Amino acid sequence: GEGGRGLLLVAALADRWGCEPRPDGPGKTVWAEYTVDTVARY
């Protein structure tokens, strides 16, 4: 009822994504990974 498209975009764009409880306190961490053509090596 208030959107919900944000995570659909994340799922469509990212190679992998997920959510897990925060290990060092209350809360959660939402993460996404994306493979790129180049990242500076040095």
Full PDB file with SEQRES, HELIX, SHEET, SSBOND, CRYST1, ORIGX, SCALE, CONECT and MASTER records, all heavy atoms in Angstrom:
SEQRES   1 A   42  GLY GLU GLY GLY ARG GLY LEU LEU LEU VAL ALA ALA LEU          
SEQRES   2 A   42  ALA ASP ARG TRP GLY CYS GLU PRO ARG PRO ASP GLY PRO          
SEQRES   3 A   42  GLY LYS THR VAL TRP ALA GLU TYR THR VAL ASP THR VAL          
SEQRES   4 A   42  ALA ARG TYR                                                  
HELIX    1 AA1 ARG A    5  LEU A   13  1                                   9    
SHEET    1 AA1 2 ARG A  16  PRO A  21  0                                        
SHEET    2 AA1 2 LYS A  28  GLU A  33 -1                                        
CRYST1    1.000    1.000    1.000  90.00  90.00  90.00 P 1           1          
ORIGX1      1.000000  0.000000  0.000000        0.00000                         
ORIGX2      0.000000  1.000000  0.000000        0.00000                         
ORIGX3      0.000000  0.000000  1.000000        0.00000                         
SCALE1      1.000000  0.000000  0.000000        0.00000                         
SCALE2      0.000000  1.000000  0.000000        0.00000                         
SCALE3      0.000000  0.000000  1.000000        0.00000                         
ATOM      1  N   GLY A   1       0.793  -1.212   0.000  1.00  0.00           N  
ATOM      2  CA  GLY A   1       0.000   0.000   0.000  1.00  0.00           C  
ATOM      3  C   GLY A   1       0.834   1.275   0.000  1.00  0.00           C  
ATOM      4  O   GLY A   1       0.333   2.347  -0.207  1.00  0.00           O  
ATOM      5  N   GLU A   2       2.119   1.184   0.278  1.00  0.00           N  
ATOM      6  CA  GLU A   2       2.968   2.370   0.325  1.00  0.00           C  
ATOM      7  C   GLU A   2       4.155   2.214  -0.590  1.00  0.00           C  
ATOM      8  O   GLU A   2       5.237   2.697  -0.294  1.00  0.00           O  
ATOM      9  CB  GLU A   2       3.426   2.616   1.755  1.00  0.00           C  
ATOM     10  CG  GLU A   2       2.303   3.030   2.636  1.00  0.00           C  
ATOM     11  CD  GLU A   2       2.709   4.109   3.602  1.00  0.00           C  
ATOM     12  OE1 GLU A   2       3.855   4.580   3.538  1.00  0.00           O  
ATOM     13  OE2 GLU A   2       1.876   4.478   4.407  1.00  0.00           O  
ATOM     14  N   GLY A   3       4.012   1.513  -1.654  1.00  0.00           N  
ATOM     15  CA  GLY A   3       5.136   1.369  -2.570  1.00  0.00           C  
ATOM     16  C   GLY A   3       5.527  -0.081  -2.722  1.00  0.00           C  
ATOM     17  O   GLY A   3       4.790  -0.867  -3.275  1.00  0.00           O  
ATOM     18  N   GLY A   4       6.687  -0.444  -2.181  1.00  0.00           N  
ATOM     19  CA  GLY A   4       7.146  -1.813  -2.299  1.00  0.00           C  
ATOM     20  C   GLY A   4       7.995  -2.032  -3.530  1.00  0.00           C  
ATOM     21  O   GLY A   4       8.522  -3.111  -3.742  1.00  0.00           O  
ATOM     22  N   ARG A   5       8.130  -0.993  -4.348  1.00  0.00           N  
ATOM     23  CA  ARG A   5       8.911  -1.150  -5.568  1.00  0.00           C  
ATOM     24  C   ARG A   5      10.415  -1.042  -5.328  1.00  0.00           C  
ATOM     25  O   ARG A   5      11.203  -1.499  -6.136  1.00  0.00           O  
ATOM     26  CB  ARG A   5       8.455  -0.131  -6.606  1.00  0.00           C  
ATOM     27  CG  ARG A   5       7.072  -0.470  -7.148  1.00  0.00           C  
ATOM     28  CD  ARG A   5       6.534   0.626  -8.043  1.00  0.00           C  
ATOM     29  NE  ARG A   5       6.200   1.852  -7.329  1.00  0.00           N  
ATOM     30  CZ  ARG A   5       5.092   2.032  -6.621  1.00  0.00           C  
ATOM     31  NH1 ARG A   5       4.215   1.071  -6.524  1.00  0.00           N  
ATOM     32  NH2 ARG A   5       4.851   3.172  -6.014  1.00  0.00           N  
ATOM     33  N   GLY A   6      10.824  -0.449  -4.227  1.00  0.00           N  
ATOM     34  CA  GLY A   6      12.244  -0.267  -3.948  1.00  0.00           C  
ATOM     35  C   GLY A   6      13.017  -1.566  -3.921  1.00  0.00           C  
ATOM     36  O   GLY A   6      14.045  -1.705  -4.587  1.00  0.00           O  
ATOM     37  N   LEU A   7      12.523  -2.547  -3.183  1.00  0.00           N  
ATOM     38  CA  LEU A   7      13.219  -3.834  -3.116  1.00  0.00           C  
ATOM     39  C   LEU A   7      13.092  -4.609  -4.419  1.00  0.00           C  
ATOM     40  O   LEU A   7      13.974  -5.402  -4.752  1.00  0.00           O  
ATOM     41  CB  LEU A   7      12.727  -4.668  -1.937  1.00  0.00           C  
ATOM     42  CG  LEU A   7      13.183  -4.167  -0.563  1.00  0.00           C  
ATOM     43  CD1 LEU A   7      12.608  -5.034   0.545  1.00  0.00           C  
ATOM     44  CD2 LEU A   7      14.698  -4.105  -0.472  1.00  0.00           C  
ATOM     45  N   LEU A   8      12.022  -4.379  -5.168  1.00  0.00           N  
ATOM     46  CA  LEU A   8      11.924  -5.004  -6.488  1.00  0.00           C  
ATOM     47  C   LEU A   8      13.013  -4.464  -7.408  1.00  0.00           C  
ATOM     48  O   LEU A   8      13.611  -5.210  -8.185  1.00  0.00           O  
ATOM     49  CB  LEU A   8      10.540  -4.765  -7.102  1.00  0.00           C  
ATOM     50  CG  LEU A   8       9.383  -5.516  -6.428  1.00  0.00           C  
ATOM     51  CD1 LEU A   8       8.045  -5.049  -7.000  1.00  0.00           C  
ATOM     52  CD2 LEU A   8       9.548  -7.003  -6.591  1.00  0.00           C  
ATOM     53  N   LEU A   9      13.286  -3.155  -7.313  1.00  0.00           N  
ATOM     54  CA  LEU A   9      14.386  -2.568  -8.089  1.00  0.00           C  
ATOM     55  C   LEU A   9      15.731  -3.150  -7.661  1.00  0.00           C  
ATOM     56  O   LEU A   9      16.565  -3.486  -8.495  1.00  0.00           O  
ATOM     57  CB  LEU A   9      14.414  -1.052  -7.906  1.00  0.00           C  
ATOM     58  CG  LEU A   9      13.394  -0.249  -8.688  1.00  0.00           C  
ATOM     59  CD1 LEU A   9      13.408   1.207  -8.246  1.00  0.00           C  
ATOM     60  CD2 LEU A   9      13.658  -0.347 -10.166  1.00  0.00           C  
ATOM     61  N   VAL A  10      15.932  -3.258  -6.357  1.00  0.00           N  
ATOM     62  CA  VAL A  10      17.186  -3.830  -5.838  1.00  0.00           C  
ATOM     63  C   VAL A  10      17.360  -5.253  -6.365  1.00  0.00           C  
ATOM     64  O   VAL A  10      18.421  -5.628  -6.864  1.00  0.00           O  
ATOM     65  CB  VAL A  10      17.219  -3.798  -4.300  1.00  0.00           C  
ATOM     66  CG1 VAL A  10      18.393  -4.604  -3.749  1.00  0.00           C  
ATOM     67  CG2 VAL A  10      17.281  -2.355  -3.788  1.00  0.00           C  
ATOM     68  N   ALA A  11      16.301  -6.052  -6.285  1.00  0.00           N  
ATOM     69  CA  ALA A  11      16.371  -7.439  -6.750  1.00  0.00           C  
ATOM     70  C   ALA A  11      16.639  -7.518  -8.251  1.00  0.00           C  
ATOM     71  O   ALA A  11      17.357  -8.404  -8.715  1.00  0.00           O  
ATOM     72  CB  ALA A  11      15.077  -8.181  -6.403  1.00  0.00           C  
ATOM     73  N   ALA A  12      16.086  -6.575  -9.011  1.00  0.00           N  
ATOM     74  CA  ALA A  12      16.269  -6.589 -10.460  1.00  0.00           C  
ATOM     75  C   ALA A  12      17.672  -6.144 -10.865  1.00  0.00           C  
ATOM     76  O   ALA A  12      18.237  -6.656 -11.837  1.00  0.00           O  
ATOM     77  CB  ALA A  12      15.230  -5.689 -11.133  1.00  0.00           C  
ATOM     78  N   LEU A  13      18.256  -5.212 -10.130  1.00  0.00           N  
ATOM     79  CA  LEU A  13      19.558  -4.650 -10.507  1.00  0.00           C  
ATOM     80  C   LEU A  13      20.749  -5.396  -9.919  1.00  0.00           C  
ATOM     81  O   LEU A  13      21.783  -5.515 -10.567  1.00  0.00           O  
ATOM     82  CB  LEU A  13      19.631  -3.177 -10.089  1.00  0.00           C  
ATOM     83  CG  LEU A  13      18.700  -2.234 -10.834  1.00  0.00           C  
ATOM     84  CD1 LEU A  13      18.714  -0.854 -10.192  1.00  0.00           C  
ATOM     85  CD2 LEU A  13      19.083  -2.152 -12.302  1.00  0.00           C  
ATOM     86  N   ALA A  14      20.616  -5.876  -8.697  1.00  0.00           N  
ATOM     87  CA  ALA A  14      21.745  -6.522  -8.016  1.00  0.00           C  
ATOM     88  C   ALA A  14      21.897  -7.974  -8.461  1.00  0.00           C  
ATOM     89  O   ALA A  14      20.925  -8.619  -8.855  1.00  0.00           O  
ATOM     90  CB  ALA A  14      21.548  -6.455  -6.504  1.00  0.00           C  
ATOM     91  N   ASP A  15      23.120  -8.477  -8.393  1.00  0.00           N  
ATOM     92  CA  ASP A  15      23.356  -9.902  -8.672  1.00  0.00           C  
ATOM     93  C   ASP A  15      22.861 -10.760  -7.517  1.00  0.00           C  
ATOM     94  O   ASP A  15      22.356 -11.860  -7.720  1.00  0.00           O  
ATOM     95  CB  ASP A  15      24.848 -10.158  -8.904  1.00  0.00           C  
ATOM     96  CG  ASP A  15      25.351  -9.454 -10.154  1.00  0.00           C  
ATOM     97  OD1 ASP A  15      24.615  -9.424 -11.158  1.00  0.00           O  
ATOM     98  OD2 ASP A  15      26.479  -8.927 -10.114  1.00  0.00           O  
ATOM     99  N   ARG A  16      23.028 -10.241  -6.306  1.00  0.00           N  
ATOM    100  CA  ARG A  16      22.584 -10.929  -5.088  1.00  0.00           C  
ATOM    101  C   ARG A  16      22.181  -9.864  -4.084  1.00  0.00           C  
ATOM    102  O   ARG A  16      22.753  -8.780  -4.065  1.00  0.00           O  
ATOM    103  CB  ARG A  16      23.733 -11.748  -4.475  1.00  0.00           C  
ATOM    104  CG  ARG A  16      24.182 -12.925  -5.301  1.00  0.00           C  
ATOM    105  CD  ARG A  16      25.533 -13.469  -4.848  1.00  0.00           C  
ATOM    106  NE  ARG A  16      26.636 -12.534  -5.038  1.00  0.00           N  
ATOM    107  CZ  ARG A  16      27.191 -12.219  -6.203  1.00  0.00           C  
ATOM    108  NH1 ARG A  16      26.722 -12.719  -7.323  1.00  0.00           N  
ATOM    109  NH2 ARG A  16      28.206 -11.369  -6.274  1.00  0.00           N  
ATOM    110  N   TRP A  17      21.239 -10.170  -3.226  1.00  0.00           N  
ATOM    111  CA  TRP A  17      20.901  -9.269  -2.142  1.00  0.00           C  
ATOM    112  C   TRP A  17      20.287 -10.078  -1.019  1.00  0.00           C  
ATOM    113  O   TRP A  17      19.858 -11.215  -1.214  1.00  0.00           O  
ATOM    114  CB  TRP A  17      19.967  -8.143  -2.605  1.00  0.00           C  
ATOM    115  CG  TRP A  17      18.521  -8.540  -2.747  1.00  0.00           C  
ATOM    116  CD1 TRP A  17      17.958  -9.189  -3.797  1.00  0.00           C  
ATOM    117  CD2 TRP A  17      17.487  -8.348  -1.790  1.00  0.00           C  
ATOM    118  NE1 TRP A  17      16.620  -9.397  -3.553  1.00  0.00           N  
ATOM    119  CE2 TRP A  17      16.314  -8.887  -2.326  1.00  0.00           C  
ATOM    120  CE3 TRP A  17      17.439  -7.758  -0.533  1.00  0.00           C  
ATOM    121  CZ2 TRP A  17      15.090  -8.862  -1.646  1.00  0.00           C  
ATOM    122  CZ3 TRP A  17      16.227  -7.730   0.145  1.00  0.00           C  
ATOM    123  CH2 TRP A  17      15.071  -8.279  -0.418  1.00  0.00           C  
ATOM    124  N   GLY A  18      20.256  -9.491   0.159  1.00  0.00           N  
ATOM    125  CA  GLY A  18      19.661 -10.182   1.290  1.00  0.00           C  
ATOM    126  C   GLY A  18      19.556  -9.269   2.494  1.00  0.00           C  
ATOM    127  O   GLY A  18      19.936  -8.101   2.457  1.00  0.00           O  
ATOM    128  N   CYS A  19      19.052  -9.847   3.559  1.00  0.00           N  
ATOM    129  CA  CYS A  19      18.863  -9.116   4.801  1.00  0.00           C  
ATOM    130  C   CYS A  19      19.187 -10.060   5.951  1.00  0.00           C  
ATOM    131  O   CYS A  19      18.829 -11.238   5.904  1.00  0.00           O  
ATOM    132  CB  CYS A  19      17.418  -8.635   4.890  1.00  0.00           C  
ATOM    133  SG  CYS A  19      17.083  -7.669   6.367  1.00  0.00           S  
ATOM    134  N   GLU A  20      19.881  -9.548   6.943  1.00  0.00           N  
ATOM    135  CA  GLU A  20      20.234 -10.377   8.092  1.00  0.00           C  
ATOM    136  C   GLU A  20      20.196  -9.538   9.358  1.00  0.00           C  
ATOM    137  O   GLU A  20      20.388  -8.321   9.308  1.00  0.00           O  
ATOM    138  CB  GLU A  20      21.605 -11.003   7.884  1.00  0.00           C  
ATOM    139  CG  GLU A  20      22.670 -10.022   7.543  1.00  0.00           C  
ATOM    140  CD  GLU A  20      23.833 -10.663   6.796  1.00  0.00           C  
ATOM    141  OE1 GLU A  20      23.640 -11.610   6.027  1.00  0.00           O  
ATOM    142  OE2 GLU A  20      24.947 -10.174   6.988  1.00  0.00           O  
ATOM    143  N   PRO A  21      19.923 -10.178  10.495  1.00  0.00           N  
ATOM    144  CA  PRO A  21      19.949  -9.436  11.755  1.00  0.00           C  
ATOM    145  C   PRO A  21      21.339  -8.849  11.994  1.00  0.00           C  
ATOM    146  O   PRO A  21      22.348  -9.450  11.634  1.00  0.00           O  
ATOM    147  CB  PRO A  21      19.628 -10.503  12.804  1.00  0.00           C  
ATOM    148  CG  PRO A  21      19.009 -11.627  12.056  1.00  0.00           C  
ATOM    149  CD  PRO A  21      19.577 -11.584  10.670  1.00  0.00           C  
ATOM    150  N   ARG A  22      21.375  -7.698  12.592  1.00  0.00           N  
ATOM    151  CA  ARG A  22      22.639  -7.034  12.913  1.00  0.00           C  
ATOM    152  C   ARG A  22      23.318  -7.796  14.049  1.00  0.00           C  
ATOM    153  O   ARG A  22      22.719  -7.993  15.111  1.00  0.00           O  
ATOM    154  CB  ARG A  22      22.332  -5.601  13.330  1.00  0.00           C  
ATOM    155  CG  ARG A  22      23.515  -4.761  13.601  1.00  0.00           C  
ATOM    156  CD  ARG A  22      23.068  -3.352  13.890  1.00  0.00           C  
ATOM    157  NE  ARG A  22      24.146  -2.632  14.527  1.00  0.00           N  
ATOM    158  CZ  ARG A  22      23.986  -1.483  15.123  1.00  0.00           C  
ATOM    159  NH1 ARG A  22      22.789  -0.919  15.171  1.00  0.00           N  
ATOM    160  NH2 ARG A  22      25.015  -0.880  15.666  1.00  0.00           N  
ATOM    161  N   PRO A  23      24.573  -8.234  13.858  1.00  0.00           N  
ATOM    162  CA  PRO A  23      25.224  -9.059  14.878  1.00  0.00           C  
ATOM    163  C   PRO A  23      25.678  -8.284  16.109  1.00  0.00           C  
ATOM    164  O   PRO A  23      25.816  -8.862  17.180  1.00  0.00           O  
ATOM    165  CB  PRO A  23      26.433  -9.649  14.147  1.00  0.00           C  
ATOM    166  CG  PRO A  23      26.733  -8.662  13.078  1.00  0.00           C  
ATOM    167  CD  PRO A  23      25.404  -8.075  12.677  1.00  0.00           C  
ATOM    168  N   ASP A  24      25.876  -6.964  15.975  1.00  0.00           N  
ATOM    169  CA  ASP A  24      26.438  -6.188  17.082  1.00  0.00           C  
ATOM    170  C   ASP A  24      25.428  -5.294  17.791  1.00  0.00           C  
ATOM    171  O   ASP A  24      25.790  -4.331  18.435  1.00  0.00           O  
ATOM    172  CB  ASP A  24      27.618  -5.351  16.577  1.00  0.00           C  
ATOM    173  CG  ASP A  24      27.214  -4.395  15.459  1.00  0.00           C  
ATOM    174  OD1 ASP A  24      26.116  -4.562  14.894  1.00  0.00           O  
ATOM    175  OD2 ASP A  24      28.003  -3.488  15.148  1.00  0.00           O  
ATOM    176  N   GLY A  25      24.161  -5.615  17.699  1.00  0.00           N  
ATOM    177  CA  GLY A  25      23.154  -4.820  18.378  1.00  0.00           C  
ATOM    178  C   GLY A  25      21.799  -4.988  17.727  1.00  0.00           C  
ATOM    179  O   GLY A  25      21.633  -5.802  16.827  1.00  0.00           O  
ATOM    180  N   PRO A  26      20.834  -4.184  18.176  1.00  0.00           N  
ATOM    181  CA  PRO A  26      19.502  -4.299  17.571  1.00  0.00           C  
ATOM    182  C   PRO A  26      19.519  -3.780  16.141  1.00  0.00           C  
ATOM    183  O   PRO A  26      20.288  -2.887  15.803  1.00  0.00           O  
ATOM    184  CB  PRO A  26      18.637  -3.399  18.461  1.00  0.00           C  
ATOM    185  CG  PRO A  26      19.593  -2.398  19.021  1.00  0.00           C  
ATOM    186  CD  PRO A  26      20.901  -3.131  19.183  1.00  0.00           C  
ATOM    187  N   GLY A  27      18.693  -4.374  15.308  1.00  0.00           N  
ATOM    188  CA  GLY A  27      18.566  -3.893  13.939  1.00  0.00           C  
ATOM    189  C   GLY A  27      18.873  -4.952  12.905  1.00  0.00           C  
ATOM    190  O   GLY A  27      18.945  -6.145  13.206  1.00  0.00           O  
ATOM    191  N   LYS A  28      19.076  -4.476  11.683  1.00  0.00           N  
ATOM    192  CA  LYS A  28      19.312  -5.389  10.566  1.00  0.00           C  
ATOM    193  C   LYS A  28      20.233  -4.724   9.553  1.00  0.00           C  
ATOM    194  O   LYS A  28      20.386  -3.506   9.538  1.00  0.00           O  
ATOM    195  CB  LYS A  28      17.994  -5.758   9.893  1.00  0.00           C  
ATOM    196  CG  LYS A  28      17.284  -4.576   9.261  1.00  0.00           C  
ATOM    197  CD  LYS A  28      15.919  -4.956   8.767  1.00  0.00           C  
ATOM    198  CE  LYS A  28      15.086  -3.763   8.374  1.00  0.00           C  
ATOM    199  NZ  LYS A  28      14.809  -2.823   9.443  1.00  0.00           N  
ATOM    200  N   THR A  29      20.841  -5.550   8.722  1.00  0.00           N  
ATOM    201  CA  THR A  29      21.653  -5.082   7.615  1.00  0.00           C  
ATOM    202  C   THR A  29      21.061  -5.626   6.329  1.00  0.00           C  
ATOM    203  O   THR A  29      20.859  -6.831   6.205  1.00  0.00           O  
ATOM    204  CB  THR A  29      23.117  -5.556   7.744  1.00  0.00           C  
ATOM    205  OG1 THR A  29      23.673  -4.991   8.938  1.00  0.00           O  
ATOM    206  CG2 THR A  29      23.949  -5.122   6.547  1.00  0.00           C  
ATOM    207  N   VAL A  30      20.744  -4.729   5.413  1.00  0.00           N  
ATOM    208  CA  VAL A  30      20.289  -5.120   4.080  1.00  0.00           C  
ATOM    209  C   VAL A  30      21.476  -4.887   3.158  1.00  0.00           C  
ATOM    210  O   VAL A  30      22.095  -3.823   3.186  1.00  0.00           O  
ATOM    211  CB  VAL A  30      19.064  -4.299   3.626  1.00  0.00           C  
ATOM    212  CG1 VAL A  30      18.571  -4.789   2.273  1.00  0.00           C  
ATOM    213  CG2 VAL A  30      17.946  -4.389   4.659  1.00  0.00           C  
ATOM    214  N   TRP A  31      21.816  -5.893   2.364  1.00  0.00           N  
ATOM    215  CA  TRP A  31      23.001  -5.816   1.512  1.00  0.00           C  
ATOM    216  C   TRP A  31      22.657  -6.197   0.076  1.00  0.00           C  
ATOM    217  O   TRP A  31      21.672  -6.896  -0.160  1.00  0.00           O  
ATOM    218  CB  TRP A  31      24.121  -6.714   2.046  1.00  0.00           C  
ATOM    219  CG  TRP A  31      23.717  -8.157   2.159  1.00  0.00           C  
ATOM    220  CD1 TRP A  31      23.170  -8.776   3.255  1.00  0.00           C  
ATOM    221  CD2 TRP A  31      23.798  -9.155   1.139  1.00  0.00           C  
ATOM    222  NE1 TRP A  31      22.898 -10.086   2.969  1.00  0.00           N  
ATOM    223  CE2 TRP A  31      23.283 -10.361   1.683  1.00  0.00           C  
ATOM    224  CE3 TRP A  31      24.254  -9.157  -0.169  1.00  0.00           C  
ATOM    225  CZ2 TRP A  31      23.227 -11.545   0.949  1.00  0.00           C  
ATOM    226  CZ3 TRP A  31      24.192 -10.337  -0.892  1.00  0.00           C  
ATOM    227  CH2 TRP A  31      23.688 -11.512  -0.325  1.00  0.00           C  
ATOM    228  N   ALA A  32      23.485  -5.702  -0.830  1.00  0.00           N  
ATOM    229  CA  ALA A  32      23.346  -6.050  -2.246  1.00  0.00           C  
ATOM    230  C   ALA A  32      24.740  -6.100  -2.850  1.00  0.00           C  
ATOM    231  O   ALA A  32      25.625  -5.322  -2.474  1.00  0.00           O  
ATOM    232  CB  ALA A  32      22.486  -5.011  -2.969  1.00  0.00           C  
ATOM    233  N   GLU A  33      24.931  -7.026  -3.783  1.00  0.00           N  
ATOM    234  CA  GLU A  33      26.203  -7.162  -4.478  1.00  0.00           C  
ATOM    235  C   GLU A  33      25.971  -7.040  -5.982  1.00  0.00           C  
ATOM    236  O   GLU A  33      24.960  -7.514  -6.503  1.00  0.00           O  
ATOM    237  CB  GLU A  33      26.863  -8.500  -4.168  1.00  0.00           C  
ATOM    238  CG  GLU A  33      27.313  -8.608  -2.733  1.00  0.00           C  
ATOM    239  CD  GLU A  33      27.966  -9.931  -2.408  1.00  0.00           C  
ATOM    240  OE1 GLU A  33      27.799 -10.905  -3.176  1.00  0.00           O  
ATOM    241  OE2 GLU A  33      28.644  -9.993  -1.373  1.00  0.00           O  
ATOM    242  N   TYR A  34      26.945  -6.432  -6.639  1.00  0.00           N  
ATOM    243  CA  TYR A  34      26.864  -6.172  -8.074  1.00  0.00           C  
ATOM    244  C   TYR A  34      28.245  -6.408  -8.660  1.00  0.00           C  
ATOM    245  O   TYR A  34      29.241  -5.927  -8.121  1.00  0.00           O  
ATOM    246  CB  TYR A  34      26.417  -4.724  -8.304  1.00  0.00           C  
ATOM    247  CG  TYR A  34      26.145  -4.348  -9.734  1.00  0.00           C  
ATOM    248  CD1 TYR A  34      24.865  -4.442 -10.249  1.00  0.00           C  
ATOM    249  CD2 TYR A  34      27.162  -3.882 -10.557  1.00  0.00           C  
ATOM    250  CE1 TYR A  34      24.602  -4.078 -11.569  1.00  0.00           C  
ATOM    251  CE2 TYR A  34      26.910  -3.519 -11.871  1.00  0.00           C  
ATOM    252  CZ  TYR A  34      25.620  -3.615 -12.368  1.00  0.00           C  
ATOM    253  OH  TYR A  34      25.360  -3.258 -13.658  1.00  0.00           O  
ATOM    254  N   THR A  35      28.323  -7.136  -9.762  1.00  0.00           N  
ATOM    255  CA  THR A  35      29.595  -7.381 -10.436  1.00  0.00           C  
ATOM    256  C   THR A  35      29.787  -6.318 -11.507  1.00  0.00           C  
ATOM    257  O   THR A  35      28.917  -6.116 -12.356  1.00  0.00           O  
ATOM    258  CB  THR A  35      29.617  -8.786 -11.070  1.00  0.00           C  
ATOM    259  OG1 THR A  35      29.354  -9.747 -10.054  1.00  0.00           O  
ATOM    260  CG2 THR A  35      30.970  -9.073 -11.689  1.00  0.00           C  
ATOM    261  N   VAL A  36      30.940  -5.647 -11.471  1.00  0.00           N  
ATOM    262  CA  VAL A  36      31.245  -4.573 -12.417  1.00  0.00           C  
ATOM    263  C   VAL A  36      32.337  -5.020 -13.378  1.00  0.00           C  
ATOM    264  O   VAL A  36      33.065  -5.976 -13.116  1.00  0.00           O  
ATOM    265  CB  VAL A  36      31.681  -3.282 -11.689  1.00  0.00           C  
ATOM    266  CG1 VAL A  36      30.564  -2.749 -10.830  1.00  0.00           C  
ATOM    267  CG2 VAL A  36      32.923  -3.518 -10.857  1.00  0.00           C  
ATOM    268  N   ASP A  37      32.459  -4.317 -14.492  1.00  0.00           N  
ATOM    269  CA  ASP A  37      33.503  -4.639 -15.468  1.00  0.00           C  
ATOM    270  C   ASP A  37      34.886  -4.297 -14.932  1.00  0.00           C  
ATOM    271  O   ASP A  37      35.834  -5.039 -15.122  1.00  0.00           O  
ATOM    272  CB  ASP A  37      33.272  -3.889 -16.781  1.00  0.00           C  
ATOM    273  CG  ASP A  37      32.036  -4.397 -17.500  1.00  0.00           C  
ATOM    274  OD1 ASP A  37      31.649  -5.564 -17.284  1.00  0.00           O  
ATOM    275  OD2 ASP A  37      31.448  -3.623 -18.265  1.00  0.00           O  
ATOM    276  N   THR A  38      35.003  -3.133 -14.283  1.00  0.00           N  
ATOM    277  CA  THR A  38      36.306  -2.716 -13.776  1.00  0.00           C  
ATOM    278  C   THR A  38      36.167  -2.062 -12.419  1.00  0.00           C  
ATOM    279  O   THR A  38      35.207  -1.345 -12.156  1.00  0.00           O  
ATOM    280  CB  THR A  38      36.979  -1.687 -14.714  1.00  0.00           C  
ATOM    281  OG1 THR A  38      36.121  -0.557 -14.823  1.00  0.00           O  
ATOM    282  CG2 THR A  38      37.261  -2.267 -16.079  1.00  0.00           C  
ATOM    283  N   VAL A  39      37.138  -2.340 -11.579  1.00  0.00           N  
ATOM    284  CA  VAL A  39      37.331  -1.652 -10.315  1.00  0.00           C  
ATOM    285  C   VAL A  39      38.823  -1.427 -10.243  1.00  0.00           C  
ATOM    286  O   VAL A  39      39.606  -2.338 -10.512  1.00  0.00           O  
ATOM    287  CB  VAL A  39      36.862  -2.493  -9.102  1.00  0.00           C  
ATOM    288  CG1 VAL A  39      37.192  -1.792  -7.790  1.00  0.00           C  
ATOM    289  CG2 VAL A  39      35.373  -2.783  -9.171  1.00  0.00           C  
ATOM    290  N   ALA A  40      39.244  -0.221  -9.909  1.00  0.00           N  
ATOM    291  CA  ALA A  40      40.676   0.074  -9.850  1.00  0.00           C  
ATOM    292  C   ALA A  40      41.369  -0.913  -8.916  1.00  0.00           C  
ATOM    293  O   ALA A  40      40.939  -1.133  -7.800  1.00  0.00           O  
ATOM    294  CB  ALA A  40      40.900   1.505  -9.382  1.00  0.00           C  
ATOM    295  N   ARG A  41      42.442  -1.526  -9.412  1.00  0.00           N  
ATOM    296  CA  ARG A  41      43.151  -2.545  -8.642  1.00  0.00           C  
ATOM    297  C   ARG A  41      44.142  -1.949  -7.659  1.00  0.00           C  
ATOM    298  O   ARG A  41      44.515  -2.576  -6.693  1.00  0.00           O  
ATOM    299  CB  ARG A  41      43.868  -3.500  -9.579  1.00  0.00           C  
ATOM    300  CG  ARG A  41      42.922  -4.285 -10.466  1.00  0.00           C  
ATOM    301  CD  ARG A  41      43.657  -5.272 -11.321  1.00  0.00           C  
ATOM    302  NE  ARG A  41      44.332  -6.295 -10.558  1.00  0.00           N  
ATOM    303  CZ  ARG A  41      43.790  -7.414 -10.079  1.00  0.00           C  
ATOM    304  NH1 ARG A  41      42.517  -7.630 -10.273  1.00  0.00           N  
ATOM    305  NH2 ARG A  41      44.489  -8.285  -9.413  1.00  0.00           N  
ATOM    306  N   TYR A  42      44.614  -0.757  -7.919  1.00  0.00           N  
ATOM    307  CA  TYR A  42      45.651  -0.174  -7.079  1.00  0.00           C  
ATOM    308  C   TYR A  42      45.242   1.229  -6.690  1.00  0.00           C  
ATOM    309  O   TYR A  42      44.390   1.831  -7.322  1.00  0.00           O  
ATOM    310  CB  TYR A  42      47.005  -0.141  -7.823  1.00  0.00           C  
ATOM    311  CG  TYR A  42      47.355  -1.481  -8.397  1.00  0.00           C  
ATOM    312  CD1 TYR A  42      47.252  -1.734  -9.763  1.00  0.00           C  
ATOM    313  CD2 TYR A  42      47.755  -2.517  -7.568  1.00  0.00           C  
ATOM    314  CE1 TYR A  42      47.540  -2.960 -10.286  1.00  0.00           C  
ATOM    315  CE2 TYR A  42      48.055  -3.760  -8.085  1.00  0.00           C  
ATOM    316  CZ  TYR A  42      47.958  -3.980  -9.450  1.00  0.00           C  
ATOM    317  OH  TYR A  42      48.239  -5.199  -9.958  1.00  0.00           O  
TER     318      TYR A  42                                                      
MASTER        0    0    0    1    2    0    0    6  317    1    0    4          
END                                                                             
